[in-house]
Amino acid sequence: MTRFEKALDALRSAQRDAEKEATRLEITQPEIAAEARVRADGLADARRIIEGLEGLNATLAALAD
């Protein structure tokens, strides 16, 4: 498993956890749920960045050959 795959797995897991937390807290503590949703969105953004870097890395490796 590459470092990109490890990072993506960790981000996916953290994003799922944040989404579950937000769903659980929506009724009892909506302001905290909103913070968890923002955290999940930030993790999704980070995941997309890592995916882009992984693609860039593959492209650069192909060009180097």
PDB file of N, CA and C in Angstrom:
ATOM      1  N   MET A   1       0.853  -1.179   0.000  1.00  0.00           N
ATOM      2  CA  MET A   1       0.000   0.000   0.000  1.00  0.00           C
ATOM      3  C   MET A   1       0.899   1.241   0.000  1.00  0.00           C
ATOM      4  N   THR A   2       0.610   2.146  -0.912  1.00  0.00           N
ATOM      5  CA  THR A   2       1.419   3.356  -1.016  1.00  0.00           C
ATOM      6  C   THR A   2       1.029   4.355   0.073  1.00  0.00           C
ATOM      7  N   ARG A   3       1.869   5.344   0.238  1.00  0.00           N
ATOM      8  CA  ARG A   3       1.560   6.365   1.250  1.00  0.00           C
ATOM      9  C   ARG A   3       0.296   7.141   0.879  1.00  0.00           C
ATOM     10  N   PHE A   4       0.033   7.293  -0.429  1.00  0.00           N
ATOM     11  CA  PHE A   4      -1.196   7.957  -0.851  1.00  0.00           C
ATOM     12  C   PHE A   4      -2.413   7.121  -0.445  1.00  0.00           C
ATOM     13  N   GLU A   5      -2.348   5.829  -0.687  1.00  0.00           N
ATOM     14  CA  GLU A   5      -3.457   4.947  -0.316  1.00  0.00           C
ATOM     15  C   GLU A   5      -3.689   4.940   1.185  1.00  0.00           C
ATOM     16  N   LYS A   6      -2.614   4.930   1.951  1.00  0.00           N
ATOM     17  CA  LYS A   6      -2.748   4.979   3.411  1.00  0.00           C
ATOM     18  C   LYS A   6      -3.397   6.277   3.865  1.00  0.00           C
ATOM     19  N   ALA A   7      -2.960   7.383   3.273  1.00  0.00           N
ATOM     20  CA  ALA A   7      -3.530   8.686   3.627  1.00  0.00           C
ATOM     21  C   ALA A   7      -5.009   8.741   3.252  1.00  0.00           C
ATOM     22  N   LEU A   8      -5.344   8.219   2.068  1.00  0.00           N
ATOM     23  CA  LEU A   8      -6.741   8.221   1.636  1.00  0.00           C
ATOM     24  C   LEU A   8      -7.607   7.365   2.548  1.00  0.00           C
ATOM     25  N   ASP A   9      -7.116   6.212   2.933  1.00  0.00           N
ATOM     26  CA  ASP A   9      -7.870   5.353   3.849  1.00  0.00           C
ATOM     27  C   ASP A   9      -8.112   6.048   5.183  1.00  0.00           C
ATOM     28  N   ALA A  10      -7.082   6.691   5.712  1.00  0.00           N
ATOM     29  CA  ALA A  10      -7.216   7.396   6.987  1.00  0.00           C
ATOM     30  C   ALA A  10      -8.215   8.551   6.870  1.00  0.00           C
ATOM     31  N   LEU A  11      -8.154   9.286   5.770  1.00  0.00           N
ATOM     32  CA  LEU A  11      -9.080  10.401   5.572  1.00  0.00           C
ATOM     33  C   LEU A  11     -10.519   9.920   5.405  1.00  0.00           C
ATOM     34  N   ARG A  12     -10.700   8.840   4.652  1.00  0.00           N
ATOM     35  CA  ARG A  12     -12.054   8.286   4.486  1.00  0.00           C
ATOM     36  C   ARG A  12     -12.635   7.860   5.830  1.00  0.00           C
ATOM     37  N   SER A  13     -11.817   7.204   6.625  1.00  0.00           N
ATOM     38  CA  SER A  13     -12.265   6.744   7.935  1.00  0.00           C
ATOM     39  C   SER A  13     -12.629   7.924   8.836  1.00  0.00           C
ATOM     40  N   ALA A  14     -11.778   8.926   8.864  1.00  0.00           N
ATOM     41  CA  ALA A  14     -12.042  10.111   9.691  1.00  0.00           C
ATOM     42  C   ALA A  14     -13.282  10.848   9.198  1.00  0.00           C
ATOM     43  N   GLN A  15     -13.471  10.915   7.880  1.00  0.00           N
ATOM     44  CA  GLN A  15     -14.643  11.574   7.323  1.00  0.00           C
ATOM     45  C   GLN A  15     -15.915  10.819   7.718  1.00  0.00           C
ATOM     46  N   ARG A  16     -15.897   9.495   7.603  1.00  0.00           N
ATOM     47  CA  ARG A  16     -17.058   8.689   8.015  1.00  0.00           C
ATOM     48  C   ARG A  16     -17.385   8.903   9.492  1.00  0.00           C
ATOM     49  N   ASP A  17     -16.336   8.912  10.318  1.00  0.00           N
ATOM     50  CA  ASP A  17     -16.544   9.122  11.755  1.00  0.00           C
ATOM     51  C   ASP A  17     -17.170  10.489  12.035  1.00  0.00           C
ATOM     52  N   ALA A  18     -16.689  11.521  11.351  1.00  0.00           N
ATOM     53  CA  ALA A  18     -17.229  12.871  11.548  1.00  0.00           C
ATOM     54  C   ALA A  18     -18.686  12.946  11.085  1.00  0.00           C
ATOM     55  N   GLU A  19     -19.001  12.282   9.973  1.00  0.00           N
ATOM     56  CA  GLU A  19     -20.377  12.278   9.491  1.00  0.00           C
ATOM     57  C   GLU A  19     -21.304  11.530  10.448  1.00  0.00           C
ATOM     58  N   LYS A  20     -20.840  10.413  10.986  1.00  0.00           N
ATOM     59  CA  LYS A  20     -21.630   9.658  11.969  1.00  0.00           C
ATOM     60  C   LYS A  20     -21.869  10.492  13.221  1.00  0.00           C
ATOM     61  N   GLU A  21     -20.813  11.171  13.671  1.00  0.00           N
ATOM     62  CA  GLU A  21     -20.931  12.021  14.859  1.00  0.00           C
ATOM     63  C   GLU A  21     -21.943  13.136  14.620  1.00  0.00           C
ATOM     64  N   ALA A  22     -21.882  13.752  13.441  1.00  0.00           N
ATOM     65  CA  ALA A  22     -22.818  14.836  13.120  1.00  0.00           C
ATOM     66  C   ALA A  22     -24.253  14.325  13.115  1.00  0.00           C
ATOM     67  N   THR A  23     -24.459  13.184  12.509  1.00  0.00           N
ATOM     68  CA  THR A  23     -25.805  12.614  12.461  1.00  0.00           C
ATOM     69  C   THR A  23     -26.314  12.316  13.867  1.00  0.00           C
ATOM     70  N   ARG A  24     -25.467  11.767  14.695  1.00  0.00           N
ATOM     71  CA  ARG A  24     -25.850  11.420  16.067  1.00  0.00           C
ATOM     72  C   ARG A  24     -26.198  12.667  16.889  1.00  0.00           C
ATOM     73  N   LEU A  25     -25.496  13.754  16.638  1.00  0.00           N
ATOM     74  CA  LEU A  25     -25.664  14.966  17.444  1.00  0.00           C
ATOM     75  C   LEU A  25     -26.708  15.944  16.911  1.00  0.00           C
ATOM     76  N   GLU A  26     -27.239  15.696  15.717  1.00  0.00           N
ATOM     77  CA  GLU A  26     -28.151  16.661  15.096  1.00  0.00           C
ATOM     78  C   GLU A  26     -29.340  17.024  15.978  1.00  0.00           C
ATOM     79  N   ILE A  27     -29.902  16.078  16.684  1.00  0.00           N
ATOM     80  CA  ILE A  27     -31.096  16.352  17.482  1.00  0.00           C
ATOM     81  C   ILE A  27     -30.754  17.003  18.815  1.00  0.00           C
ATOM     82  N   THR A  28     -29.760  16.463  19.496  1.00  0.00           N
ATOM     83  CA  THR A  28     -29.468  16.940  20.849  1.00  0.00           C
ATOM     84  C   THR A  28     -28.562  18.168  20.899  1.00  0.00           C
ATOM     85  N   GLN A  29     -27.608  18.254  19.979  1.00  0.00           N
ATOM     86  CA  GLN A  29     -26.644  19.363  19.999  1.00  0.00           C
ATOM     87  C   GLN A  29     -26.350  19.826  18.568  1.00  0.00           C
ATOM     88  N   PRO A  30     -27.286  20.555  17.957  1.00  0.00           N
ATOM     89  CA  PRO A  30     -27.133  20.933  16.550  1.00  0.00           C
ATOM     90  C   PRO A  30     -25.894  21.780  16.247  1.00  0.00           C
ATOM     91  N   GLU A  31     -25.465  22.613  17.210  1.00  0.00           N
ATOM     92  CA  GLU A  31     -24.278  23.444  16.931  1.00  0.00           C
ATOM     93  C   GLU A  31     -23.012  22.589  16.861  1.00  0.00           C
ATOM     94  N   ILE A  32     -22.938  21.577  17.673  1.00  0.00           N
ATOM     95  CA  ILE A  32     -21.787  20.668  17.611  1.00  0.00           C
ATOM     96  C   ILE A  32     -21.875  19.802  16.358  1.00  0.00           C
ATOM     97  N   ALA A  33     -23.085  19.428  15.974  1.00  0.00           N
ATOM     98  CA  ALA A  33     -23.283  18.655  14.743  1.00  0.00           C
ATOM     99  C   ALA A  33     -22.802  19.455  13.534  1.00  0.00           C
ATOM    100  N   ALA A  34     -23.082  20.756  13.541  1.00  0.00           N
ATOM    101  CA  ALA A  34     -22.632  21.615  12.445  1.00  0.00           C
ATOM    102  C   ALA A  34     -21.107  21.639  12.366  1.00  0.00           C
ATOM    103  N   GLU A  35     -20.453  21.682  13.502  1.00  0.00           N
ATOM    104  CA  GLU A  35     -18.986  21.654  13.523  1.00  0.00           C
ATOM    105  C   GLU A  35     -18.463  20.329  12.974  1.00  0.00           C
ATOM    106  N   ALA A  36     -19.125  19.233  13.306  1.00  0.00           N
ATOM    107  CA  ALA A  36     -18.715  17.927  12.796  1.00  0.00           C
ATOM    108  C   ALA A  36     -18.902  17.854  11.288  1.00  0.00           C
ATOM    109  N   ARG A  37     -19.970  18.465  10.786  1.00  0.00           N
ATOM    110  CA  ARG A  37     -20.195  18.495   9.332  1.00  0.00           C
ATOM    111  C   ARG A  37     -19.093  19.301   8.629  1.00  0.00           C
ATOM    112  N   VAL A  38     -18.708  20.427   9.229  1.00  0.00           N
ATOM    113  CA  VAL A  38     -17.622  21.237   8.661  1.00  0.00           C
ATOM    114  C   VAL A  38     -16.327  20.422   8.654  1.00  0.00           C
ATOM    115  N   ARG A  39     -16.078  19.683   9.727  1.00  0.00           N
ATOM    116  CA  ARG A  39     -14.892  18.835   9.798  1.00  0.00           C
ATOM    117  C   ARG A  39     -14.939  17.761   8.714  1.00  0.00           C
ATOM    118  N   ALA A  40     -16.094  17.138   8.513  1.00  0.00           N
ATOM    119  CA  ALA A  40     -16.246  16.113   7.472  1.00  0.00           C
ATOM    120  C   ALA A  40     -16.006  16.720   6.094  1.00  0.00           C
ATOM    121  N   ASP A  41     -16.516  17.926   5.867  1.00  0.00           N
ATOM    122  CA  ASP A  41     -16.294  18.601   4.583  1.00  0.00           C
ATOM    123  C   ASP A  41     -14.815  18.898   4.364  1.00  0.00           C
ATOM    124  N   GLY A  42     -14.135  19.337   5.410  1.00  0.00           N
ATOM    125  CA  GLY A  42     -12.698  19.611   5.315  1.00  0.00           C
ATOM    126  C   GLY A  42     -11.905  18.345   5.020  1.00  0.00           C
ATOM    127  N   LEU A  43     -12.311  17.249   5.635  1.00  0.00           N
ATOM    128  CA  LEU A  43     -11.641  15.972   5.370  1.00  0.00           C
ATOM    129  C   LEU A  43     -11.890  15.519   3.932  1.00  0.00           C
ATOM    130  N   ALA A  44     -13.092  15.760   3.425  1.00  0.00           N
ATOM    131  CA  ALA A  44     -13.391  15.418   2.028  1.00  0.00           C
ATOM    132  C   ALA A  44     -12.520  16.252   1.088  1.00  0.00           C
ATOM    133  N   ASP A  45     -12.342  17.526   1.411  1.00  0.00           N
ATOM    134  CA  ASP A  45     -11.457  18.384   0.607  1.00  0.00           C
ATOM    135  C   ASP A  45     -10.026  17.869   0.633  1.00  0.00           C
ATOM    136  N   ALA A  46      -9.559  17.492   1.810  1.00  0.00           N
ATOM    137  CA  ALA A  46      -8.200  16.961   1.943  1.00  0.00           C
ATOM    138  C   ALA A  46      -8.053  15.673   1.132  1.00  0.00           C
ATOM    139  N   ARG A  47      -9.086  14.839   1.146  1.00  0.00           N
ATOM    140  CA  ARG A  47      -9.053  13.584   0.386  1.00  0.00           C
ATOM    141  C   ARG A  47      -8.945  13.873  -1.105  1.00  0.00           C
ATOM    142  N   ARG A  48      -9.702  14.856  -1.590  1.00  0.00           N
ATOM    143  CA  ARG A  48      -9.628  15.206  -3.015  1.00  0.00           C
ATOM    144  C   ARG A  48      -8.245  15.744  -3.380  1.00  0.00           C
ATOM    145  N   ILE A  49      -7.639  16.494  -2.493  1.00  0.00           N
ATOM    146  CA  ILE A  49      -6.286  17.006  -2.739  1.00  0.00           C
ATOM    147  C   ILE A  49      -5.291  15.854  -2.835  1.00  0.00           C
ATOM    148  N   ILE A  50      -5.388  14.899  -1.903  1.00  0.00           N
ATOM    149  CA  ILE A  50      -4.494  13.738  -1.922  1.00  0.00           C
ATOM    150  C   ILE A  50      -4.694  12.937  -3.210  1.00  0.00           C
ATOM    151  N   GLU A  51      -5.950  12.764  -3.626  1.00  0.00           N
ATOM    152  CA  GLU A  51      -6.219  12.040  -4.872  1.00  0.00           C
ATOM    153  C   GLU A  51      -5.589  12.759  -6.057  1.00  0.00           C
ATOM    154  N   GLY A  52      -5.670  14.088  -6.064  1.00  0.00           N
ATOM    155  CA  GLY A  52      -5.042  14.864  -7.127  1.00  0.00           C
ATOM    156  C   GLY A  52      -3.531  14.726  -7.112  1.00  0.00           C
ATOM    157  N   LEU A  53      -2.949  14.730  -5.924  1.00  0.00           N
ATOM    158  CA  LEU A  53      -1.498  14.562  -5.812  1.00  0.00           C
ATOM    159  C   LEU A  53      -1.072  13.167  -6.260  1.00  0.00           C
ATOM    160  N   GLU A  54      -1.891  12.182  -5.958  1.00  0.00           N
ATOM    161  CA  GLU A  54      -1.592  10.817  -6.382  1.00  0.00           C
ATOM    162  C   GLU A  54      -1.578  10.740  -7.910  1.00  0.00           C
ATOM    163  N   GLY A  55      -2.548  11.382  -8.552  1.00  0.00           N
ATOM    164  CA  GLY A  55      -2.589  11.419 -10.010  1.00  0.00           C
ATOM    165  C   GLY A  55      -1.402  12.167 -10.597  1.00  0.00           C
ATOM    166  N   LEU A  56      -1.055  13.277  -9.987  1.00  0.00           N
ATOM    167  CA  LEU A  56       0.096  14.055 -10.436  1.00  0.00           C
ATOM    168  C   LEU A  56       1.378  13.237 -10.290  1.00  0.00           C
ATOM    169  N   ASN A  57       1.503  12.544  -9.177  1.00  0.00           N
ATOM    170  CA  ASN A  57       2.675  11.709  -8.942  1.00  0.00           C
ATOM    171  C   ASN A  57       2.784  10.622 -10.011  1.00  0.00           C
ATOM    172  N   ALA A  58       1.661   9.998 -10.353  1.00  0.00           N
ATOM    173  CA  ALA A  58       1.661   8.951 -11.385  1.00  0.00           C
ATOM    174  C   ALA A  58       2.040   9.533 -12.744  1.00  0.00           C
ATOM    175  N   THR A  59       1.541  10.721 -13.043  1.00  0.00           N
ATOM    176  CA  THR A  59       1.867  11.377 -14.314  1.00  0.00           C
ATOM    177  C   THR A  59       3.350  11.706 -14.385  1.00  0.00           C
ATOM    178  N   LEU A  60       3.890  12.250 -13.320  1.00  0.00           N
ATOM    179  CA  LEU A  60       5.313  12.590 -13.296  1.00  0.00           C
ATOM    180  C   LEU A  60       6.182  11.335 -13.406  1.00  0.00           C
ATOM    181  N   ALA A  61       5.761  10.262 -12.759  1.00  0.00           N
ATOM    182  CA  ALA A  61       6.515   9.012 -12.843  1.00  0.00           C
ATOM    183  C   ALA A  61       6.504   8.480 -14.279  1.00  0.00           C
ATOM    184  N   ALA A  62       5.357   8.600 -14.944  1.00  0.00           N
ATOM    185  CA  ALA A  62       5.269   8.132 -16.335  1.00  0.00           C
ATOM    186  C   ALA A  62       6.136   8.987 -17.251  1.00  0.00           C
ATOM    187  N   LEU A  63       6.187  10.272 -17.001  1.00  0.00           N
ATOM    188  CA  LEU A  63       7.017  11.162 -17.820  1.00  0.00           C
ATOM    189  C   LEU A  63       8.508  10.916 -17.591  1.00  0.00           C
ATOM    190  N   ALA A  64       8.845  10.472 -16.391  1.00  0.00           N
ATOM    191  CA  ALA A  64      10.253  10.237 -16.065  1.00  0.00           C
ATOM    192  C   ALA A  64      10.795   8.984 -16.746  1.00  0.00           C
ATOM    193  N   ASP A  65       9.889   8.086 -17.142  1.00  0.00           N
ATOM    194  CA  ASP A  65      10.335   6.834 -17.792  1.00  0.00           C
ATOM    195  C   ASP A  65      10.774   7.032 -19.199  1.00  0.00           C
TER     196      ASP A  65
END
